[in-house]
């Protein structure tokens, strides 16, 4: 098991890294769990133009 910090460090990813994560998550199943669904939404929102993002703006785990 991985040791986890109480608060994860913020991540800064470039477009290719976000695309790679989306691709990997899509292969596993983006709706296999609530965290997977939430992560997929945040990754897609991060690549979307600001006017098409959900109310969370890609920075929250809250569903639309």
N, C-alpha and C. Protein backbone atom coordinates (compact mmCIF):
# COMPACT_ATOMS: atom_id res chain seq x y z
N UNK A 1 0.85 -1.17 0.00
CA UNK A 1 0.00 0.00 0.00
C UNK A 1 0.89 1.24 0.00
N UNK A 2 0.47 2.24 -0.74
CA UNK A 2 1.23 3.48 -0.80
C UNK A 2 0.95 4.33 0.43
N UNK A 3 1.99 4.94 0.94
CA UNK A 3 1.80 5.89 2.03
C UNK A 3 1.23 7.16 1.43
N UNK A 4 0.27 7.77 2.11
CA UNK A 4 -0.37 8.98 1.58
C UNK A 4 -0.18 10.14 2.52
N UNK A 5 0.07 11.29 1.95
CA UNK A 5 0.11 12.52 2.73
C UNK A 5 -1.31 12.85 3.16
N UNK A 6 -1.46 13.59 4.23
CA UNK A 6 -2.80 13.97 4.65
C UNK A 6 -3.46 14.86 3.61
N UNK A 7 -2.71 15.70 2.96
CA UNK A 7 -3.20 16.53 1.86
C UNK A 7 -2.28 16.33 0.67
N UNK A 8 -2.82 15.85 -0.45
CA UNK A 8 -1.96 15.68 -1.63
C UNK A 8 -1.44 17.02 -2.13
N UNK A 9 -0.27 16.98 -2.72
CA UNK A 9 0.29 18.19 -3.32
C UNK A 9 -0.47 18.53 -4.60
N UNK A 10 -0.63 19.81 -4.90
CA UNK A 10 -1.28 20.18 -6.16
C UNK A 10 -0.45 19.70 -7.35
N UNK A 11 -1.13 19.30 -8.39
CA UNK A 11 -0.46 18.84 -9.60
C UNK A 11 -0.61 19.87 -10.70
N UNK A 12 0.40 19.95 -11.51
CA UNK A 12 0.34 20.81 -12.70
C UNK A 12 0.73 19.91 -13.87
N UNK A 13 -0.22 19.68 -14.79
CA UNK A 13 0.00 18.78 -15.90
C UNK A 13 -0.11 19.54 -17.21
N UNK A 14 0.66 19.10 -18.21
CA UNK A 14 0.51 19.71 -19.53
C UNK A 14 -0.57 18.95 -20.30
N UNK A 15 -0.91 19.44 -21.48
CA UNK A 15 -1.99 18.85 -22.27
C UNK A 15 -1.73 17.38 -22.57
N UNK A 16 -0.53 17.03 -22.95
CA UNK A 16 -0.22 15.63 -23.27
C UNK A 16 -0.38 14.73 -22.05
N UNK A 17 0.00 15.20 -20.89
CA UNK A 17 -0.14 14.41 -19.66
C UNK A 17 -1.62 14.22 -19.31
N UNK A 18 -2.41 15.27 -19.47
CA UNK A 18 -3.85 15.15 -19.21
C UNK A 18 -4.48 14.17 -20.19
N UNK A 19 -4.12 14.28 -21.46
CA UNK A 19 -4.65 13.37 -22.47
C UNK A 19 -4.27 11.92 -22.17
N UNK A 20 -3.06 11.69 -21.71
CA UNK A 20 -2.62 10.34 -21.36
C UNK A 20 -3.44 9.79 -20.19
N UNK A 21 -3.72 10.62 -19.21
CA UNK A 21 -4.53 10.18 -18.07
C UNK A 21 -5.96 9.89 -18.49
N UNK A 22 -6.53 10.74 -19.36
CA UNK A 22 -7.88 10.50 -19.85
C UNK A 22 -7.93 9.17 -20.60
N UNK A 23 -6.96 8.93 -21.45
CA UNK A 23 -6.90 7.69 -22.22
C UNK A 23 -6.80 6.48 -21.30
N UNK A 24 -5.95 6.55 -20.31
CA UNK A 24 -5.77 5.44 -19.37
C UNK A 24 -7.04 5.20 -18.57
N UNK A 25 -7.65 6.27 -18.10
CA UNK A 25 -8.87 6.14 -17.30
C UNK A 25 -10.01 5.59 -18.15
N UNK A 26 -10.07 6.00 -19.41
CA UNK A 26 -11.10 5.48 -20.31
C UNK A 26 -10.95 3.98 -20.51
N UNK A 27 -9.72 3.50 -20.57
CA UNK A 27 -9.47 2.07 -20.76
C UNK A 27 -9.89 1.27 -19.53
N UNK A 28 -9.70 1.83 -18.36
CA UNK A 28 -10.05 1.14 -17.11
C UNK A 28 -11.55 1.19 -16.88
N UNK A 29 -12.15 2.29 -17.20
CA UNK A 29 -13.58 2.49 -16.99
C UNK A 29 -13.80 3.75 -16.18
N UNK A 30 -14.14 4.84 -16.86
CA UNK A 30 -14.24 6.13 -16.16
C UNK A 30 -15.39 6.21 -15.17
N UNK A 31 -16.29 5.24 -15.19
CA UNK A 31 -17.40 5.27 -14.24
C UNK A 31 -17.36 4.08 -13.29
N UNK A 32 -16.21 3.44 -13.19
CA UNK A 32 -16.08 2.28 -12.31
C UNK A 32 -16.27 2.65 -10.83
N UNK A 33 -16.02 3.90 -10.50
CA UNK A 33 -16.21 4.37 -9.13
C UNK A 33 -16.46 5.87 -9.16
N UNK A 34 -16.95 6.40 -8.06
CA UNK A 34 -17.18 7.85 -7.97
C UNK A 34 -15.88 8.63 -8.12
N UNK A 35 -14.77 8.21 -7.48
CA UNK A 35 -13.51 8.95 -7.69
C UNK A 35 -13.05 8.91 -9.15
N UNK A 36 -13.28 7.79 -9.84
CA UNK A 36 -12.89 7.70 -11.25
C UNK A 36 -13.74 8.65 -12.09
N UNK A 37 -15.04 8.70 -11.83
CA UNK A 37 -15.93 9.60 -12.56
C UNK A 37 -15.55 11.05 -12.32
N UNK A 38 -15.27 11.37 -11.06
CA UNK A 38 -14.90 12.73 -10.70
C UNK A 38 -13.57 13.13 -11.34
N UNK A 39 -12.61 12.22 -11.31
CA UNK A 39 -11.31 12.49 -11.91
C UNK A 39 -11.44 12.72 -13.41
N UNK A 40 -12.25 11.89 -14.08
CA UNK A 40 -12.44 12.05 -15.52
C UNK A 40 -13.07 13.41 -15.82
N UNK A 41 -14.06 13.82 -15.05
CA UNK A 41 -14.71 15.11 -15.26
C UNK A 41 -13.70 16.25 -15.09
N UNK A 42 -12.88 16.18 -14.06
CA UNK A 42 -11.89 17.25 -13.84
C UNK A 42 -10.86 17.29 -14.95
N UNK A 43 -10.43 16.12 -15.44
CA UNK A 43 -9.46 16.09 -16.53
C UNK A 43 -10.06 16.67 -17.81
N UNK A 44 -11.29 16.28 -18.13
CA UNK A 44 -11.94 16.80 -19.33
C UNK A 44 -12.17 18.30 -19.19
N UNK A 45 -12.63 18.73 -18.02
CA UNK A 45 -12.84 20.17 -17.79
C UNK A 45 -11.54 20.95 -17.95
N UNK A 46 -10.42 20.36 -17.55
CA UNK A 46 -9.14 21.05 -17.65
C UNK A 46 -8.75 21.32 -19.10
N UNK A 47 -9.25 20.50 -20.02
CA UNK A 47 -8.96 20.69 -21.44
C UNK A 47 -10.04 21.46 -22.18
N UNK A 48 -11.16 21.74 -21.52
CA UNK A 48 -12.28 22.41 -22.15
C UNK A 48 -12.13 23.92 -22.07
N UNK A 49 -12.63 24.63 -23.08
CA UNK A 49 -12.63 26.10 -22.99
C UNK A 49 -13.43 26.53 -21.76
N UNK A 50 -13.04 27.63 -21.12
CA UNK A 50 -13.71 28.06 -19.88
C UNK A 50 -15.23 28.19 -20.00
N UNK A 51 -15.76 28.61 -21.14
CA UNK A 51 -17.20 28.80 -21.26
C UNK A 51 -17.99 27.50 -21.38
N UNK A 52 -17.30 26.36 -21.53
CA UNK A 52 -18.00 25.07 -21.63
C UNK A 52 -17.81 24.21 -20.39
N UNK A 53 -17.09 24.71 -19.41
CA UNK A 53 -16.86 23.94 -18.19
C UNK A 53 -18.10 23.94 -17.32
N UNK A 54 -18.20 22.90 -16.50
CA UNK A 54 -19.32 22.83 -15.56
C UNK A 54 -19.17 23.88 -14.48
N UNK A 55 -20.16 23.98 -13.59
CA UNK A 55 -20.12 24.97 -12.51
C UNK A 55 -18.88 24.86 -11.64
N UNK A 56 -18.30 23.66 -11.59
CA UNK A 56 -17.11 23.49 -10.75
C UNK A 56 -15.87 24.09 -11.39
N UNK A 57 -15.92 24.38 -12.68
CA UNK A 57 -14.77 24.96 -13.36
C UNK A 57 -13.58 24.04 -13.41
N UNK A 58 -13.82 22.74 -13.17
CA UNK A 58 -12.74 21.77 -13.21
C UNK A 58 -11.90 21.75 -11.96
N UNK A 59 -12.30 22.47 -10.92
CA UNK A 59 -11.47 22.52 -9.72
C UNK A 59 -12.14 21.92 -8.51
N UNK A 60 -13.23 21.23 -8.71
CA UNK A 60 -13.96 20.68 -7.58
C UNK A 60 -14.36 19.25 -7.88
N UNK A 61 -14.60 18.48 -6.87
CA UNK A 61 -15.09 17.12 -7.03
C UNK A 61 -16.60 17.10 -7.12
N UNK A 62 -17.25 18.23 -7.01
CA UNK A 62 -18.70 18.29 -7.02
C UNK A 62 -19.23 17.98 -8.41
N UNK A 63 -20.25 17.11 -8.50
CA UNK A 63 -20.83 16.82 -9.81
C UNK A 63 -21.62 18.02 -10.31
N UNK A 64 -21.82 18.09 -11.63
CA UNK A 64 -22.63 19.17 -12.23
C UNK A 64 -24.07 19.02 -11.84
